[in-house]
Amino acid sequence: MVKNSSRSGRLGDFMHRELSRLIRDECTDPRIGMVTISSVLVNDDLSYARVYITVLQDDKQKASVDALNHAAGFFRMQVAKKITTRIVPRIKFYYDDSLNTGARIEELLKSVNISNDNQTSD
């Protein structure tokens, strides 16, 4: 398996910081909830960036992703002003449900642990 190139990793880190700043300071769209960028993955040829976000309000998940994807061109233009690369990645936002998955796994492990404790005490 090929490891991500350091250039795409550095660009992903830069985009993470810059997009976080832009969402915090420049976005006024009321559809966007309290958004946190969990990771930015840039492919090796630097043409696409997958931006994974988490949203604090459960009811604004889909609306936030849709609004951010609608504004992706604006974000790309703002990032292009700050970097010196010839190619600026196209940006696509995705909802990151790893926190929900982690919480569900933790609950399952707790329930298994409780049932094991009950069986050993009998």
C-alpha atoms as a PDB file:
ATOM      1  CA  MET A   1       0.000   0.000   0.000  1.00  0.00           C
ATOM      2  CA  VAL A   2       1.332   3.412  -0.971  1.00  0.00           C
ATOM      3  CA  LYS A   3       1.676   5.887   1.851  1.00  0.00           C
ATOM      4  CA  ASN A   4       0.445   9.459   1.313  1.00  0.00           C
ATOM      5  CA  SER A   5       3.159  11.688  -0.030  1.00  0.00           C
ATOM      6  CA  SER A   6       4.464  14.283   2.343  1.00  0.00           C
ATOM      7  CA  ARG A   7       3.435  17.048  -0.057  1.00  0.00           C
ATOM      8  CA  SER A   8      -0.226  15.995  -0.006  1.00  0.00           C
ATOM      9  CA  GLY A   9      -0.033  15.655   3.770  1.00  0.00           C
ATOM     10  CA  ARG A  10       1.395  19.152   4.183  1.00  0.00           C
ATOM     11  CA  LEU A  11      -1.235  20.577   1.845  1.00  0.00           C
ATOM     12  CA  GLY A  12      -3.956  18.738   3.786  1.00  0.00           C
ATOM     13  CA  ASP A  13      -2.675  20.193   7.065  1.00  0.00           C
ATOM     14  CA  PHE A  14      -2.598  23.690   5.562  1.00  0.00           C
ATOM     15  CA  MET A  15      -6.099  23.298   4.150  1.00  0.00           C
ATOM     16  CA  HIS A  16      -7.333  22.020   7.529  1.00  0.00           C
ATOM     17  CA  ARG A  17      -6.101  25.184   9.239  1.00  0.00           C
ATOM     18  CA  GLU A  18      -7.265  27.542   6.492  1.00  0.00           C
ATOM     19  CA  LEU A  19     -10.718  25.994   6.054  1.00  0.00           C
ATOM     20  CA  SER A  20     -11.240  26.008   9.824  1.00  0.00           C
ATOM     21  CA  ARG A  21     -10.435  29.713   9.882  1.00  0.00           C
ATOM     22  CA  LEU A  22     -12.676  30.446   6.899  1.00  0.00           C
ATOM     23  CA  ILE A  23     -15.638  28.541   8.353  1.00  0.00           C
ATOM     24  CA  ARG A  24     -15.196  30.250  11.704  1.00  0.00           C
ATOM     25  CA  ASP A  25     -14.627  33.810  10.417  1.00  0.00           C
ATOM     26  CA  GLU A  26     -16.184  34.084   6.949  1.00  0.00           C
ATOM     27  CA  CYS A  27     -19.263  31.845   6.885  1.00  0.00           C
ATOM     28  CA  THR A  28     -22.541  33.553   7.647  1.00  0.00           C
ATOM     29  CA  ASP A  29     -24.856  30.883   6.249  1.00  0.00           C
ATOM     30  CA  PRO A  30     -27.450  30.043   8.926  1.00  0.00           C
ATOM     31  CA  ARG A  31     -27.695  26.445   7.655  1.00  0.00           C
ATOM     32  CA  ILE A  32     -24.188  25.743   8.906  1.00  0.00           C
ATOM     33  CA  GLY A  33     -24.198  24.559  12.488  1.00  0.00           C
ATOM     34  CA  MET A  34     -21.262  24.321  14.856  1.00  0.00           C
ATOM     35  CA  VAL A  35     -18.848  22.589  12.488  1.00  0.00           C
ATOM     36  CA  THR A  36     -15.468  21.074  13.285  1.00  0.00           C
ATOM     37  CA  ILE A  37     -13.128  19.753  10.621  1.00  0.00           C
ATOM     38  CA  SER A  38     -11.902  16.343  11.725  1.00  0.00           C
ATOM     39  CA  SER A  39      -9.526  15.689   8.808  1.00  0.00           C
ATOM     40  CA  VAL A  40      -8.568  16.734   5.301  1.00  0.00           C
ATOM     41  CA  LEU A  41      -7.296  14.082   2.902  1.00  0.00           C
ATOM     42  CA  VAL A  42      -5.661  15.293  -0.300  1.00  0.00           C
ATOM     43  CA  ASN A  43      -4.977  12.730  -3.013  1.00  0.00           C
ATOM     44  CA  ASP A  44      -1.423  12.304  -4.274  1.00  0.00           C
ATOM     45  CA  ASP A  45      -1.858  14.335  -7.468  1.00  0.00           C
ATOM     46  CA  LEU A  46      -3.280  17.209  -5.360  1.00  0.00           C
ATOM     47  CA  SER A  47      -6.430  17.486  -7.469  1.00  0.00           C
ATOM     48  CA  TYR A  48      -9.056  16.570  -4.842  1.00  0.00           C
ATOM     49  CA  ALA A  49      -9.448  17.184  -1.128  1.00  0.00           C
ATOM     50  CA  ARG A  50     -11.928  15.241   1.000  1.00  0.00           C
ATOM     51  CA  VAL A  51     -12.850  17.336   4.031  1.00  0.00           C
ATOM     52  CA  TYR A  52     -14.463  15.389   6.872  1.00  0.00           C
ATOM     53  CA  ILE A  53     -16.557  17.408   9.305  1.00  0.00           C
ATOM     54  CA  THR A  54     -18.452  16.793  12.497  1.00  0.00           C
ATOM     55  CA  VAL A  55     -21.488  18.856  13.482  1.00  0.00           C
ATOM     56  CA  LEU A  56     -22.460  19.477  17.083  1.00  0.00           C
ATOM     57  CA  GLN A  57     -26.204  19.734  16.415  1.00  0.00           C
ATOM     58  CA  ASP A  58     -27.612  16.443  15.118  1.00  0.00           C
ATOM     59  CA  ASP A  59     -30.445  18.199  13.298  1.00  0.00           C
ATOM     60  CA  LYS A  60     -28.044  20.318  11.192  1.00  0.00           C
ATOM     61  CA  GLN A  61     -25.760  17.564   9.863  1.00  0.00           C
ATOM     62  CA  LYS A  62     -27.144  17.265   6.343  1.00  0.00           C
ATOM     63  CA  ALA A  63     -27.864  20.992   5.997  1.00  0.00           C
ATOM     64  CA  SER A  64     -24.324  21.858   7.077  1.00  0.00           C
ATOM     65  CA  VAL A  65     -22.707  19.448   4.613  1.00  0.00           C
ATOM     66  CA  ASP A  66     -24.959  20.698   1.804  1.00  0.00           C
ATOM     67  CA  ALA A  67     -24.228  24.353   2.597  1.00  0.00           C
ATOM     68  CA  LEU A  68     -20.475  23.765   2.780  1.00  0.00           C
ATOM     69  CA  ASN A  69     -20.482  21.860  -0.518  1.00  0.00           C
ATOM     70  CA  HIS A  70     -22.462  24.704  -2.061  1.00  0.00           C
ATOM     71  CA  ALA A  71     -19.737  27.135  -0.908  1.00  0.00           C
ATOM     72  CA  ALA A  72     -16.835  24.843  -1.893  1.00  0.00           C
ATOM     73  CA  GLY A  73     -15.895  27.098  -4.816  1.00  0.00           C
ATOM     74  CA  PHE A  74     -15.564  30.061  -2.476  1.00  0.00           C
ATOM     75  CA  PHE A  75     -13.372  28.042  -0.118  1.00  0.00           C
ATOM     76  CA  ARG A  76     -11.206  26.846  -3.008  1.00  0.00           C
ATOM     77  CA  MET A  77     -10.751  30.427  -4.234  1.00  0.00           C
ATOM     78  CA  GLN A  78      -9.770  31.618  -0.752  1.00  0.00           C
ATOM     79  CA  VAL A  79      -7.285  28.767  -0.311  1.00  0.00           C
ATOM     80  CA  ALA A  80      -5.819  29.528  -3.772  1.00  0.00           C
ATOM     81  CA  LYS A  81      -4.997  33.053  -2.603  1.00  0.00           C
ATOM     82  CA  LYS A  82      -2.866  31.660   0.231  1.00  0.00           C
ATOM     83  CA  ILE A  83      -0.878  28.870  -1.455  1.00  0.00           C
ATOM     84  CA  THR A  84       1.724  28.880  -4.194  1.00  0.00           C
ATOM     85  CA  THR A  85       0.991  25.528  -5.805  1.00  0.00           C
ATOM     86  CA  ARG A  86      -0.054  25.364  -9.419  1.00  0.00           C
ATOM     87  CA  ILE A  87      -2.977  23.081  -8.618  1.00  0.00           C
ATOM     88  CA  VAL A  88      -5.570  23.907  -5.988  1.00  0.00           C
ATOM     89  CA  PRO A  89      -7.551  20.825  -4.971  1.00  0.00           C
ATOM     90  CA  ARG A  90     -11.281  20.631  -5.565  1.00  0.00           C
ATOM     91  CA  ILE A  91     -12.987  20.502  -2.200  1.00  0.00           C
ATOM     92  CA  LYS A  92     -15.744  18.090  -1.214  1.00  0.00           C
ATOM     93  CA  PHE A  93     -17.204  17.986   2.298  1.00  0.00           C
ATOM     94  CA  TYR A  94     -18.330  14.755   3.967  1.00  0.00           C
ATOM     95  CA  TYR A  95     -19.951  14.087   7.312  1.00  0.00           C
ATOM     96  CA  ASP A  96     -17.634  12.170   9.638  1.00  0.00           C
ATOM     97  CA  ASP A  97     -19.673   9.796  11.774  1.00  0.00           C
ATOM     98  CA  SER A  98     -16.698   8.237  13.548  1.00  0.00           C
ATOM     99  CA  LEU A  99     -17.653   9.901  16.854  1.00  0.00           C
ATOM    100  CA  ASN A 100     -21.115   8.326  16.725  1.00  0.00           C
ATOM    101  CA  THR A 101     -19.628   4.977  15.741  1.00  0.00           C
ATOM    102  CA  GLY A 102     -17.111   5.185  18.577  1.00  0.00           C
ATOM    103  CA  ALA A 103     -19.837   5.999  21.104  1.00  0.00           C
ATOM    104  CA  ARG A 104     -21.930   3.065  19.855  1.00  0.00           C
ATOM    105  CA  ILE A 105     -18.973   0.671  20.145  1.00  0.00           C
ATOM    106  CA  GLU A 106     -18.260   1.950  23.649  1.00  0.00           C
ATOM    107  CA  GLU A 107     -21.876   1.314  24.670  1.00  0.00           C
ATOM    108  CA  LEU A 108     -21.721  -2.196  23.211  1.00  0.00           C
ATOM    109  CA  LEU A 109     -18.499  -2.936  25.090  1.00  0.00           C
ATOM    110  CA  LYS A 110     -20.023  -1.656  28.333  1.00  0.00           C
ATOM    111  CA  SER A 111     -23.071  -3.886  27.868  1.00  0.00           C
ATOM    112  CA  VAL A 112     -20.850  -6.907  27.182  1.00  0.00           C
ATOM    113  CA  ASN A 113     -18.773  -6.114  30.267  1.00  0.00           C
ATOM    114  CA  ILE A 114     -21.898  -5.792  32.439  1.00  0.00           C
ATOM    115  CA  SER A 115     -23.274  -9.125  31.212  1.00  0.00           C
ATOM    116  CA  ASN A 116     -19.896 -10.806  31.845  1.00  0.00           C
ATOM    117  CA  ASP A 117     -19.837  -9.391  35.413  1.00  0.00           C
ATOM    118  CA  ASN A 118     -23.345 -10.774  36.037  1.00  0.00           C
ATOM    119  CA  GLN A 119     -22.357 -14.248  34.792  1.00  0.00           C
ATOM    120  CA  THR A 120     -19.221 -14.467  36.944  1.00  0.00           C
ATOM    121  CA  SER A 121     -21.085 -13.470  40.117  1.00  0.00           C
ATOM    122  CA  ASP A 122     -23.686 -16.265  39.703  1.00  0.00           C
END
